[in-house]
Amino acid sequence: MRVSKRAGAVAVSAAVVLVAAGCNSGDGGDNSGGSTDGAITIHGTQPEVGLVPANTTETGGGKIIDFMWTGLVRYPNDGGNPVKALAESIDTTDSKVYTIKIKKGTKFHDGTEVKAKNFVDAWNWNAYSPNAVQGASFFSDIDGYADVHTEDPDGADGPQKAPEPTSKTMKGLEVVDDHTFKVTLAAPFSIFPTKLGYSAFMPLPDAFFTSTSDAFGKKPIGNGPVKFVSWQDNVEVKLTRFDDYTLEDKVKFKDLTVKIYQDDTAAYNDLLSGQLDFMEQVPNSSLAGDKWKSDLGTRAKNVPVPTSALIAFPMYDKRFQNADLRKAVSMSVNRAEITEKVFFNSKKPSNSWANPLAPGNKEGNCTSCAYNPDEAKKLLEKAGGFQGEMVFYYNADASHKEWMEAVAQSVKNTLGINARAEGIPTFAVFRQMINNHEMKGPYRAAWQQDYPDVENWIGPLYVTGGSSNDGLYSNKEVDRLYKEGTAAADIDAAHAKFAEAVALVDADTPSIPVYFYNEQWGHSEKLKKVEVTNVGEIDLSSVEL
């Protein structure tokens, strides 16, 4: 996931971006007698790579990035409009040139002040293609991106290499003074301010640029309410309160341990015994008969989140390059039966390419999501059938075995394909195989909204070169319509173009939307109060012991 985060909506005036000041999601009180020097332990998974914000595109590392960094805006827990965080103001008159002022006196964890140059330097470094940052495409809206980012003309495995960029900096970024910078986009884009709370847009301290990204990622320096202490691979990441943090979302406890699990049942047992204080998703086995509710009582919570489960096709494998085959496989999956029998109706069958909580989403626009065995068989015949075994891959360190096996069985029963599911031991190894384009069959994916707009469900996933377009899907017409949407100054016009692009994605079926998430989470008796963000991560500022 993140493969990612967030939900909500934003209203942008053509004259000025109105990002209202907001309060934190806690009560802002004195902790009502609770400990301010206590410690909590929460569930986590091994980060895929070092903790560099724009290079972290999955949730294991992503949640830690979110804890350690604060961006220009943040997304309220209730799904409302983005509110100012580090930004003092974000102004524009044309949705193309934005003047951003940041609050004075905020600090990185090494004690240096956060300045405008820390944003500009970070964004330039992230976009520069020789640095191979996974989230580089998030900066493609900025004027001059093509000067710093070039693509390999024949892919990673071909003999040709990407041309050297003509510049290391984007002409659309300008430091005005210590606390002001200007962003000029290649074309007007009204959704741009909404994106600025995503982790790719976080500032980097001067120390980052005198180190290597690998070294920094193992001992990261952020600017958020908690700072890094230590990281023991596959065991835990330790964080502690940053007492010089001056923004509203301060934490009211001292130490935080993100305990890394390879098995969610073990994590759940730790939650029940009080050795774990927060788990964002209880195991599927505990959902049967609402066992988790009887286990946790009032500490059992159920919330919808802007996350969708998918199965992606490796388009680099010639066996999966026929759109009729992909659509046949999708239409052979009985989503309603899977959500009922595997998830006990705790999830909802997918019927659209974006999550229903995404502003601009059109429900029902996934025609290949309809379970239609007769049409699926016709499409398979049209595609010339499928030879050999079709293996559906998933990471085995979370509750995916049952539903992935159900998907494979549904395909086998409907189409007669020799289909089965196979687990990869850990999420970190699983993601490495995906990033290296080593998958030999359809594989489990998910998308956790990064920022609140349907655009986030298209650009990263289905546009050529998108940051999380891991299957290497490419359609020039989708790219063109998406680009026209991002160039629209009006949000409604942008969404209309995105809808046209999605119609082509639907015809191609580069992935299989399976279900929409609801999150069943729980906490220990140690926590008197706790809330989750609107993507289901623990809101550290809300925690009271």
Protein backbone atom coordinates (compact mmCIF):
# COMPACT_ATOMS: atom_id res chain seq x y z
CA MET A 1 0.00 0.00 0.00
CA ARG A 2 0.28 3.71 0.01
CA VAL A 3 0.59 1.39 -1.68
CA SER A 4 -0.91 5.26 0.71
CA LYS A 5 -3.12 7.81 2.58
CA ARG A 6 -5.88 10.35 3.22
CA ALA A 7 -9.44 11.56 2.35
CA GLY A 8 -11.46 14.74 2.24
CA ALA A 9 -12.16 17.66 -0.10
CA VAL A 10 -10.80 21.11 -0.84
CA ALA A 11 -12.33 24.29 -2.20
CA VAL A 12 -9.99 26.56 -4.13
CA SER A 13 -10.76 30.10 -5.21
CA ALA A 14 -9.34 31.39 -8.48
CA ALA A 15 -8.21 34.49 -6.63
CA VAL A 16 -6.67 32.89 -3.59
CA VAL A 17 -6.27 29.44 -2.11
CA LEU A 18 -8.24 29.39 1.11
CA VAL A 19 -6.62 26.84 3.40
CA ALA A 20 -8.22 27.59 6.73
CA ALA A 21 -6.31 27.41 9.98
CA GLY A 22 -7.30 24.36 11.98
CA CYS A 23 -7.16 22.89 15.46
CA ASN A 24 -5.64 19.54 16.26
CA SER A 25 -7.92 16.57 16.63
CA GLY A 26 -7.34 16.23 20.36
CA ASP A 27 -9.03 18.39 22.93
CA GLY A 28 -5.95 20.57 23.45
CA GLY A 29 -6.34 20.17 27.21
CA ASP A 30 -3.94 19.26 29.95
CA ASN A 31 -4.32 15.49 29.47
CA SER A 32 -6.80 15.41 32.37
CA GLY A 33 -4.33 13.89 34.78
CA GLY A 34 -2.96 11.32 32.32
CA SER A 35 0.78 10.72 32.04
CA THR A 36 2.75 13.04 29.76
CA ASP A 37 5.92 10.95 30.18
CA GLY A 38 4.53 7.53 29.37
CA ALA A 39 5.16 5.27 26.39
CA ILE A 40 3.02 3.42 23.88
CA THR A 41 3.65 0.58 21.43
CA ILE A 42 1.80 0.30 18.13
CA HIS A 43 1.61 -2.24 15.31
CA GLY A 44 3.90 -1.83 12.30
CA THR A 45 5.53 -3.60 9.38
CA GLN A 46 9.13 -3.47 8.13
CA PRO A 47 9.69 -0.39 5.94
CA GLU A 48 10.57 -1.27 2.37
CA VAL A 49 13.39 1.29 2.10
CA GLY A 50 15.11 3.92 4.23
CA LEU A 51 12.93 6.66 5.71
CA VAL A 52 13.23 9.40 3.07
CA PRO A 53 9.76 10.94 2.55
CA ALA A 54 9.50 11.08 -1.25
CA ASN A 55 11.07 7.64 -1.64
CA THR A 56 8.64 5.93 0.75
CA THR A 57 5.56 4.71 -1.10
CA GLU A 58 4.22 1.98 1.21
CA THR A 59 2.52 2.11 4.57
CA GLY A 60 5.13 0.35 6.73
CA GLY A 61 7.54 3.23 6.32
CA GLY A 62 4.84 5.72 5.38
CA LYS A 63 3.23 5.86 8.81
CA ILE A 64 6.61 6.57 10.41
CA ILE A 65 7.24 9.34 7.88
CA ASP A 66 3.84 10.80 8.79
CA PHE A 67 4.74 10.77 12.47
CA MET A 68 8.17 12.34 11.99
CA TRP A 69 7.37 15.07 9.45
CA THR A 70 4.94 17.98 9.18
CA GLY A 71 4.05 19.42 5.78
CA LEU A 72 2.57 22.62 4.49
CA VAL A 73 -1.00 21.40 5.01
CA ARG A 74 -2.57 18.48 6.81
CA TYR A 75 -5.78 16.51 6.38
CA PRO A 76 -8.32 16.56 9.25
CA ASN A 77 -9.54 13.31 10.77
CA ASP A 78 -13.13 14.03 9.77
CA GLY A 79 -12.35 14.14 6.06
CA GLY A 80 -12.79 17.91 5.83
CA ASN A 81 -10.81 20.45 3.82
CA PRO A 82 -7.01 20.52 4.18
CA VAL A 83 -5.88 23.00 6.81
CA LYS A 84 -2.65 24.93 7.18
CA ALA A 85 0.11 23.22 9.10
CA LEU A 86 3.59 24.61 8.36
CA ALA A 87 2.17 27.00 5.75
CA GLU A 88 1.32 30.52 6.86
CA SER A 89 -0.39 31.10 3.50
CA ILE A 90 -0.71 29.61 0.01
CA ASP A 91 -1.81 32.27 -2.48
CA THR A 92 -2.51 32.29 -6.20
CA THR A 93 -4.42 34.42 -8.70
CA ASP A 94 -4.36 31.98 -11.61
CA SER A 95 -3.85 28.43 -10.20
CA LYS A 96 -0.48 28.39 -11.98
CA VAL A 97 1.80 30.55 -9.83
CA TYR A 98 1.61 29.90 -6.08
CA THR A 99 3.33 31.97 -3.40
CA ILE A 100 3.87 29.94 -0.24
CA LYS A 101 4.84 31.47 3.09
CA ILE A 102 5.90 29.18 5.94
CA LYS A 103 5.65 29.82 9.65
CA LYS A 104 8.76 31.24 11.30
CA GLY A 105 10.72 29.52 14.05
CA THR A 106 9.82 25.86 13.42
CA LYS A 107 12.71 23.41 13.71
CA PHE A 108 14.06 20.19 12.37
CA HIS A 109 14.99 17.55 14.92
CA ASP A 110 18.67 18.58 14.67
CA GLY A 111 17.73 22.07 15.93
CA THR A 112 18.09 23.90 12.59
CA GLU A 113 15.24 26.13 11.43
CA VAL A 114 12.88 24.99 8.69
CA LYS A 115 13.25 27.48 5.85
CA ALA A 116 11.85 27.93 2.37
CA LYS A 117 15.04 26.55 0.84
CA ASN A 118 14.46 23.24 2.65
CA PHE A 119 11.33 22.74 0.57
CA VAL A 120 12.85 23.93 -2.70
CA ASP A 121 16.04 21.91 -2.27
CA ALA A 122 14.05 18.80 -1.30
CA TRP A 123 11.64 19.04 -4.23
CA ASN A 124 14.48 19.54 -6.71
CA TRP A 125 16.40 16.58 -5.29
CA ASN A 126 13.31 14.37 -5.36
CA ALA A 127 12.52 15.21 -8.99
CA TYR A 128 16.10 14.76 -10.30
CA SER A 129 15.91 11.42 -12.11
CA PRO A 130 19.49 10.19 -11.37
CA ASN A 131 18.45 10.09 -7.69
CA ALA A 132 15.86 7.40 -8.60
CA VAL A 133 13.24 8.60 -6.11
CA GLN A 134 10.05 6.52 -6.21
CA GLY A 135 7.81 9.56 -5.74
CA ALA A 136 9.50 11.77 -8.33
CA SER A 137 6.42 11.98 -10.55
CA PHE A 138 4.54 13.93 -7.86
CA PHE A 139 6.56 16.97 -8.99
CA SER A 140 5.68 16.63 -12.67
CA ASP A 141 3.22 19.57 -12.43
CA ILE A 142 6.08 22.00 -11.77
CA ASP A 143 7.56 24.01 -14.64
CA GLY A 144 10.97 22.60 -15.50
CA TYR A 145 10.31 19.01 -14.38
CA ALA A 146 11.28 17.73 -17.85
CA ASP A 147 14.67 19.44 -17.47
CA VAL A 148 15.52 17.47 -14.31
CA HIS A 149 13.74 14.19 -15.00
CA THR A 150 14.39 11.98 -18.02
CA GLU A 151 13.10 8.47 -18.72
CA ASP A 152 14.90 5.36 -19.97
CA PRO A 153 13.63 5.04 -23.58
CA ASP A 154 13.57 1.22 -23.60
CA GLY A 155 12.94 0.47 -19.94
CA ALA A 156 15.26 -0.70 -17.20
CA ASP A 157 16.16 -3.95 -18.99
CA GLY A 158 16.99 -2.43 -22.39
CA PRO A 159 20.44 -1.45 -23.66
CA GLN A 160 19.68 2.27 -23.82
CA LYS A 161 20.03 4.58 -20.82
CA ALA A 162 18.06 7.63 -19.83
CA PRO A 163 19.60 10.85 -21.17
CA GLU A 164 21.35 13.03 -18.62
CA PRO A 165 19.00 15.78 -17.37
CA THR A 166 19.85 19.26 -18.62
CA SER A 167 19.43 20.77 -15.16
CA LYS A 168 19.47 19.81 -11.48
CA THR A 169 16.84 22.39 -10.53
CA MET A 170 13.36 23.18 -11.79
CA LYS A 171 12.85 26.70 -13.11
CA GLY A 172 9.40 26.69 -11.52
CA LEU A 173 10.84 26.82 -7.99
CA GLU A 174 12.19 30.07 -6.55
CA VAL A 175 13.25 30.97 -3.01
CA VAL A 176 11.98 34.50 -2.31
CA ASP A 177 13.28 34.82 1.25
CA ASP A 178 13.92 32.60 4.26
CA HIS A 179 10.22 31.94 4.76
CA THR A 180 8.74 32.42 1.28
CA PHE A 181 9.03 30.48 -1.96
CA LYS A 182 7.24 30.61 -5.28
CA VAL A 183 6.01 27.63 -7.30
CA THR A 184 5.22 28.04 -11.00
CA LEU A 185 3.43 25.12 -12.61
CA ALA A 186 3.69 24.14 -16.25
CA ALA A 187 -0.05 24.80 -16.55
CA PRO A 188 -2.84 25.90 -14.18
CA PHE A 189 -3.79 23.13 -11.73
CA SER A 190 -6.36 23.89 -9.06
CA ILE A 191 -5.76 20.66 -7.13
CA PHE A 192 -2.07 21.41 -6.50
CA PRO A 193 -2.54 22.86 -2.96
CA THR A 194 -4.45 19.73 -1.94
CA LYS A 195 -1.41 17.60 -2.73
CA LEU A 196 0.93 19.53 -0.45
CA GLY A 197 0.16 17.54 2.70
CA TYR A 198 1.46 14.33 1.09
CA SER A 199 4.79 13.06 2.36
CA ALA A 200 6.60 13.54 -0.97
CA PHE A 201 6.36 17.30 -0.42
CA MET A 202 7.99 17.34 3.03
CA PRO A 203 11.06 19.55 3.69
CA LEU A 204 14.54 18.07 4.13
CA PRO A 205 17.17 19.52 6.50
CA ASP A 206 20.52 20.82 5.27
CA ALA A 207 22.10 17.70 6.81
CA PHE A 208 20.37 15.54 4.21
CA PHE A 209 22.39 17.12 1.41
CA THR A 210 25.74 16.53 3.14
CA SER A 211 24.95 12.84 3.67
CA THR A 212 23.73 10.05 1.40
CA SER A 213 20.06 9.20 1.09
CA ASP A 214 20.77 5.65 2.34
CA ALA A 215 22.59 6.87 5.45
CA PHE A 216 19.96 9.54 6.13
CA GLY A 217 17.13 7.02 5.67
CA LYS A 218 18.51 4.87 8.47
CA LYS A 219 18.81 7.83 10.87
CA PRO A 220 16.23 10.33 9.55
CA ILE A 221 15.83 13.92 10.71
CA GLY A 222 12.29 15.23 10.39
CA ASN A 223 10.39 18.28 11.62
CA GLY A 224 7.32 16.67 13.16
CA PRO A 225 6.05 16.08 16.71
CA VAL A 226 8.20 12.96 17.28
CA LYS A 227 11.84 12.31 16.38
CA PHE A 228 13.89 9.25 15.53
CA VAL A 229 15.73 7.22 18.18
CA SER A 230 16.63 3.84 16.66
CA TRP A 231 15.63 1.20 14.10
CA GLN A 232 16.21 -2.53 14.47
CA ASP A 233 15.25 -4.26 11.21
CA ASN A 234 12.22 -6.54 11.47
CA VAL A 235 11.96 -5.81 15.21
CA GLU A 236 11.08 -2.19 16.00
CA VAL A 237 11.47 1.51 15.30
CA LYS A 238 11.76 3.76 18.35
CA LEU A 239 10.66 7.41 18.35
CA THR A 240 10.36 10.02 21.08
CA ARG A 241 8.59 13.34 21.58
CA PHE A 242 10.29 16.40 20.03
CA ASP A 243 9.95 18.96 22.78
CA ASP A 244 10.85 21.92 20.51
CA TYR A 245 7.85 21.24 18.27
CA THR A 246 5.69 24.40 18.19
CA LEU A 247 2.66 23.53 16.03
CA GLU A 248 -0.78 22.50 17.25
CA ASP A 249 -0.54 18.71 16.91
CA LYS A 250 1.88 18.10 19.79
CA VAL A 251 1.89 14.70 21.51
CA LYS A 252 1.00 14.25 25.17
CA PHE A 253 3.18 11.21 25.85
CA LYS A 254 6.94 10.72 25.57
CA ASP A 255 8.03 7.52 23.80
CA LEU A 256 6.63 5.60 20.83
CA THR A 257 7.66 2.13 19.69
CA VAL A 258 6.52 0.86 16.30
CA LYS A 259 6.79 -2.91 16.77
CA ILE A 260 7.33 -4.77 13.52
CA TYR A 261 5.27 -7.91 13.06
CA GLN A 262 5.39 -10.69 10.48
CA ASP A 263 2.08 -12.14 11.63
CA ASP A 264 -1.08 -10.17 12.44
CA THR A 265 -2.48 -12.89 14.72
CA ALA A 266 0.56 -12.51 16.97
CA ALA A 267 -0.01 -8.75 16.97
CA TYR A 268 -3.67 -9.20 17.87
CA ASN A 269 -2.77 -11.50 20.75
CA ASP A 270 -0.37 -8.83 22.00
CA LEU A 271 -3.18 -6.28 21.76
CA LEU A 272 -5.47 -8.46 23.86
CA SER A 273 -2.76 -9.05 26.47
CA GLY A 274 -1.90 -5.34 26.72
CA GLN A 275 1.57 -5.66 25.17
CA LEU A 276 0.40 -3.68 22.12
CA ASP A 277 -1.51 -0.41 22.48
CA PHE A 278 -2.88 0.11 18.96
CA MET A 279 -3.61 -2.09 15.94
CA GLU A 280 -5.09 -0.47 12.83
CA GLN A 281 -6.67 -3.66 11.44
CA VAL A 282 -7.60 -6.76 13.41
CA PRO A 283 -7.12 -10.15 11.69
CA ASN A 284 -9.88 -11.59 9.50
CA SER A 285 -10.15 -14.56 11.85
CA SER A 286 -11.34 -12.27 14.66
CA LEU A 287 -14.18 -10.81 12.54
CA ALA A 288 -16.22 -14.04 12.46
CA GLY A 289 -19.21 -13.72 14.75
CA ASP A 290 -17.93 -10.29 15.79
CA LYS A 291 -15.40 -11.99 18.05
CA TRP A 292 -13.19 -8.88 17.98
CA LYS A 293 -16.04 -6.85 19.48
CA SER A 294 -16.48 -9.23 22.37
CA ASP A 295 -12.68 -9.35 22.82
CA LEU A 296 -12.24 -5.57 22.89
CA GLY A 297 -15.60 -4.21 24.01
CA THR A 298 -15.72 -0.43 23.76
CA ARG A 299 -12.14 -0.48 22.47
CA ALA A 300 -13.32 -2.03 19.19
CA LYS A 301 -13.77 0.59 16.45
CA ASN A 302 -15.05 0.40 12.88
CA VAL A 303 -14.50 3.24 10.36
CA PRO A 304 -14.57 3.59 6.55
CA VAL A 305 -11.24 4.64 5.05
CA PRO A 306 -10.24 5.81 1.54
CA THR A 307 -8.39 2.60 0.73
CA SER A 308 -9.15 0.01 -1.94
CA ALA A 309 -7.85 -3.52 -2.47
CA LEU A 310 -6.69 -4.38 -5.97
CA ILE A 311 -4.96 -7.11 -7.88
CA ALA A 312 -2.48 -5.73 -10.41
CA PHE A 313 -1.34 -7.34 -13.64
CA PRO A 314 2.38 -7.40 -14.55
CA MET A 315 1.99 -5.80 -17.97
CA TYR A 316 5.68 -6.50 -18.66
CA ASP A 317 4.75 -10.22 -18.87
CA LYS A 318 3.53 -11.00 -22.41
CA ARG A 319 0.95 -13.47 -21.06
CA PHE A 320 -1.01 -10.56 -19.53
CA GLN A 321 -0.85 -8.02 -22.34
CA ASN A 322 -4.27 -8.89 -23.80
CA ALA A 323 -7.01 -6.60 -22.46
CA ASP A 324 -9.74 -9.19 -23.12
CA LEU A 325 -7.88 -11.70 -20.94
CA ARG A 326 -7.50 -9.18 -18.11
CA LYS A 327 -11.16 -8.21 -18.29
CA ALA A 328 -12.20 -11.87 -18.36
CA VAL A 329 -10.23 -12.53 -15.18
CA SER A 330 -11.76 -9.48 -13.48
CA MET A 331 -15.33 -10.43 -14.43
CA SER A 332 -14.79 -13.98 -13.15
CA VAL A 333 -14.20 -12.75 -9.58
CA ASN A 334 -17.27 -12.95 -7.35
CA ARG A 335 -16.59 -9.92 -5.16
CA ALA A 336 -19.88 -10.06 -3.26
CA GLU A 337 -19.25 -13.65 -2.20
CA ILE A 338 -15.68 -12.85 -1.12
CA THR A 339 -16.67 -9.85 1.01
CA GLU A 340 -19.48 -11.86 2.60
CA LYS A 341 -17.71 -15.15 3.31
CA VAL A 342 -14.11 -14.05 3.85
CA PHE A 343 -14.68 -10.64 5.44
CA PHE A 344 -18.09 -11.25 7.02
CA ASN A 345 -19.45 -8.17 5.23
CA SER A 346 -16.85 -5.91 6.89
CA LYS A 347 -15.71 -4.75 3.42
CA LYS A 348 -17.70 -3.62 0.37
CA PRO A 349 -17.32 -5.02 -3.16
CA SER A 350 -15.59 -2.59 -5.52
CA ASN A 351 -17.63 -1.03 -8.30
CA SER A 352 -15.39 1.93 -9.20
CA TRP A 353 -11.75 2.59 -9.97
CA ALA A 354 -11.38 5.10 -7.14
CA ASN A 355 -12.60 4.77 -3.58
CA PRO A 356 -16.07 6.27 -2.89
CA LEU A 357 -14.50 8.70 -0.38
CA ALA A 358 -12.37 10.32 -3.10
CA PRO A 359 -13.78 13.69 -4.30
CA GLY A 360 -14.57 13.40 -8.01
CA ASN A 361 -15.09 9.63 -7.98
CA LYS A 362 -17.92 8.23 -10.13
CA GLU A 363 -19.42 5.12 -8.57
CA GLY A 364 -20.15 2.27 -10.94
CA ASN A 365 -17.49 3.23 -13.49
CA CYS A 366 -15.74 -0.15 -13.23
CA THR A 367 -17.66 -2.30 -15.72
CA SER A 368 -15.15 -5.13 -15.33
CA CYS A 369 -15.97 -5.25 -11.60
CA ALA A 370 -19.34 -6.86 -12.39
CA TYR A 371 -19.38 -10.62 -11.77
CA ASN A 372 -20.45 -11.98 -15.16
CA PRO A 373 -19.33 -15.59 -15.82
CA ASP A 374 -20.86 -15.81 -19.30
CA GLU A 375 -19.21 -12.60 -20.53
CA ALA A 376 -15.95 -13.61 -18.85
CA LYS A 377 -15.89 -16.91 -20.77
CA LYS A 378 -16.58 -15.12 -24.07
CA LEU A 379 -13.75 -12.66 -23.41
CA LEU A 380 -11.34 -15.48 -22.53
CA GLU A 381 -12.20 -17.25 -25.78
CA LYS A 382 -11.73 -13.98 -27.70
CA ALA A 383 -8.31 -13.59 -26.06
CA GLY A 384 -7.27 -17.05 -27.22
CA GLY A 385 -7.44 -18.63 -23.76
CA PHE A 386 -4.64 -18.88 -21.22
CA GLN A 387 -1.99 -21.58 -21.17
CA GLY A 388 -0.32 -22.87 -18.04
CA GLU A 389 -0.73 -21.88 -14.41
CA MET A 390 -1.96 -18.45 -13.28
CA VAL A 391 -0.48 -17.71 -9.87
CA PHE A 392 -1.89 -14.86 -7.75
CA TYR A 393 0.78 -13.54 -5.37
CA TYR A 394 0.34 -11.82 -1.99
CA ASN A 395 2.42 -10.98 1.08
CA ALA A 396 1.91 -13.63 3.73
CA ASP A 397 2.62 -11.46 6.79
CA ALA A 398 -0.92 -10.01 6.89
CA SER A 399 -4.48 -11.32 6.44
CA HIS A 400 -4.50 -11.81 2.66
CA LYS A 401 -4.29 -15.58 2.25
CA GLU A 402 -8.03 -16.30 2.49
CA TRP A 403 -9.27 -13.66 0.08
CA MET A 404 -6.50 -14.17 -2.45
CA GLU A 405 -7.21 -17.90 -2.44
CA ALA A 406 -10.89 -17.08 -2.92
CA VAL A 407 -10.05 -14.90 -5.94
CA ALA A 408 -7.92 -17.64 -7.50
CA GLN A 409 -10.63 -20.23 -6.87
CA SER A 410 -13.28 -17.98 -8.42
CA VAL A 411 -11.12 -17.58 -11.55
CA LYS A 412 -10.52 -21.33 -11.68
CA ASN A 413 -14.19 -22.22 -11.23
CA THR A 414 -15.46 -19.66 -13.76
CA LEU A 415 -12.84 -19.84 -16.50
CA GLY A 416 -11.29 -23.27 -16.01
CA ILE A 417 -7.83 -21.70 -15.72
CA ASN A 418 -5.36 -23.54 -13.50
CA ALA A 419 -5.25 -20.73 -10.93
CA ARG A 420 -3.87 -20.70 -7.39
CA ALA A 421 -2.61 -18.20 -4.79
CA GLU A 422 0.91 -18.11 -3.37
CA GLY A 423 2.27 -16.10 -0.44
CA ILE A 424 5.58 -14.19 -0.35
CA PRO A 425 6.87 -14.28 3.27
CA THR A 426 7.15 -10.54 4.02
CA PHE A 427 5.76 -7.30 2.68
CA ALA A 428 9.26 -5.86 2.30
CA VAL A 429 10.40 -8.74 0.05
CA PHE A 430 7.07 -8.66 -1.80
CA ARG A 431 7.49 -4.94 -2.56
CA GLN A 432 11.08 -5.44 -3.67
CA MET A 433 9.91 -8.03 -6.20
CA ILE A 434 7.22 -5.65 -7.44
CA ASN A 435 9.64 -2.73 -7.76
CA ASN A 436 12.12 -4.94 -9.63
CA HIS A 437 9.34 -6.06 -12.01
CA GLU A 438 9.85 -9.69 -11.05
CA MET A 439 6.22 -10.71 -10.56
CA LYS A 440 5.23 -13.77 -12.60
CA GLY A 441 1.50 -13.40 -12.18
CA PRO A 442 -1.22 -11.05 -10.89
CA TYR A 443 -0.38 -9.73 -7.44
CA ARG A 444 -2.12 -8.16 -4.46
CA ALA A 445 -2.03 -4.39 -4.38
CA ALA A 446 -3.89 -1.67 -2.54
CA TRP A 447 -4.09 2.07 -2.70
CA GLN A 448 -4.42 4.25 0.36
CA GLN A 449 -5.27 7.76 -0.77
CA ASP A 450 -2.36 10.21 -0.53
CA TYR A 451 -4.47 13.34 -0.80
CA PRO A 452 -8.19 13.95 -1.26
CA ASP A 453 -8.99 13.93 -4.96
CA VAL A 454 -9.78 11.36 -7.64
CA GLU A 455 -6.64 12.58 -9.47
CA ASN A 456 -4.62 10.65 -6.88
CA TRP A 457 -6.27 7.44 -8.09
CA ILE A 458 -5.20 8.03 -11.70
CA GLY A 459 -1.84 9.80 -11.98
CA PRO A 460 0.24 7.57 -9.68
CA LEU A 461 -1.45 4.31 -10.73
CA TYR A 462 -2.37 4.47 -14.43
CA VAL A 463 -0.38 7.24 -16.12
CA THR A 464 2.81 6.15 -17.89
CA GLY A 465 5.68 6.47 -15.41
CA GLY A 466 3.36 7.07 -12.44
CA SER A 467 5.03 6.64 -9.05
CA SER A 468 3.03 3.50 -8.22
CA ASN A 469 2.33 2.24 -11.74
CA ASP A 470 4.25 -0.90 -10.80
CA GLY A 471 2.80 -3.11 -13.54
CA LEU A 472 4.05 -0.67 -16.24
CA TYR A 473 0.64 -0.04 -17.78
CA SER A 474 0.74 2.58 -20.54
CA ASN A 475 -1.95 4.15 -22.71
CA LYS A 476 -1.11 7.40 -24.52
CA GLU A 477 -4.76 8.49 -24.60
CA VAL A 478 -5.04 8.04 -20.83
CA ASP A 479 -1.86 10.12 -20.46
CA ARG A 480 -3.27 12.85 -22.73
CA LEU A 481 -6.63 13.10 -20.95
CA TYR A 482 -4.97 13.08 -17.56
CA LYS A 483 -2.66 15.89 -18.63
CA GLU A 484 -5.63 17.90 -19.92
CA GLY A 485 -7.33 17.35 -16.56
CA THR A 486 -4.34 18.57 -14.58
CA ALA A 487 -4.17 21.65 -16.83
CA ALA A 488 -7.77 22.60 -16.07
CA ALA A 489 -8.04 25.57 -13.71
CA ASP A 490 -11.56 24.52 -12.69
CA ILE A 491 -11.96 21.43 -10.49
CA ASP A 492 -15.17 20.31 -12.22
CA ALA A 493 -13.48 20.50 -15.63
CA ALA A 494 -10.51 18.57 -14.25
CA HIS A 495 -12.76 15.85 -12.89
CA ALA A 496 -14.56 15.59 -16.24
CA LYS A 497 -11.26 14.91 -18.03
CA PHE A 498 -10.21 12.43 -15.35
CA ALA A 499 -13.52 10.60 -15.88
CA GLU A 500 -12.72 10.27 -19.60
CA ALA A 501 -9.32 8.84 -18.73
CA VAL A 502 -10.88 6.37 -16.30
CA ALA A 503 -13.25 5.12 -19.03
CA LEU A 504 -10.18 4.09 -21.05
CA VAL A 505 -8.57 2.50 -18.00
CA ASP A 506 -11.78 0.53 -17.51
CA ALA A 507 -11.62 -0.73 -21.10
CA ASP A 508 -8.00 -1.82 -20.60
CA THR A 509 -8.44 -3.30 -17.08
CA PRO A 510 -4.78 -3.05 -16.00
CA SER A 511 -5.81 -4.15 -12.51
CA ILE A 512 -8.72 -5.78 -10.70
CA PRO A 513 -10.48 -3.62 -8.06
CA VAL A 514 -11.78 -6.11 -5.48
CA TYR A 515 -13.09 -4.37 -2.35
CA PHE A 516 -13.31 -1.08 -0.46
CA TYR A 517 -11.86 -1.05 3.03
CA ASN A 518 -13.56 -0.50 6.31
CA GLU A 519 -11.03 -0.50 9.11
CA GLN A 520 -11.66 -2.51 12.26
CA TRP A 521 -9.16 -1.24 14.77
CA GLY A 522 -8.59 -1.54 18.48
CA HIS A 523 -6.51 -0.20 21.37
CA SER A 524 -5.36 -1.30 24.80
CA GLU A 525 -6.82 -0.31 28.14
CA LYS A 526 -3.73 1.83 28.66
CA LEU A 527 -5.11 4.48 26.29
CA LYS A 528 -7.79 6.67 27.81
CA LYS A 529 -8.33 8.44 24.51
CA VAL A 530 -7.23 7.80 20.94
CA GLU A 531 -8.46 8.78 17.49
CA VAL A 532 -7.43 7.74 14.01
CA THR A 533 -6.70 9.89 11.01
CA ASN A 534 -9.07 9.67 8.09
CA VAL A 535 -6.89 6.95 6.58
CA GLY A 536 -6.89 4.90 9.76
CA GLU A 537 -3.43 5.71 11.10
CA ILE A 538 -3.20 6.49 14.80
CA ASP A 539 -3.45 10.24 15.46
CA LEU A 540 -0.61 10.71 17.93
CA SER A 541 -1.84 14.15 18.99
CA SER A 542 -5.12 12.64 20.23
CA VAL A 543 -3.55 10.03 22.50
CA GLU A 544 -4.07 10.33 26.24
CA LEU A 545 -2.78 7.70 28.66
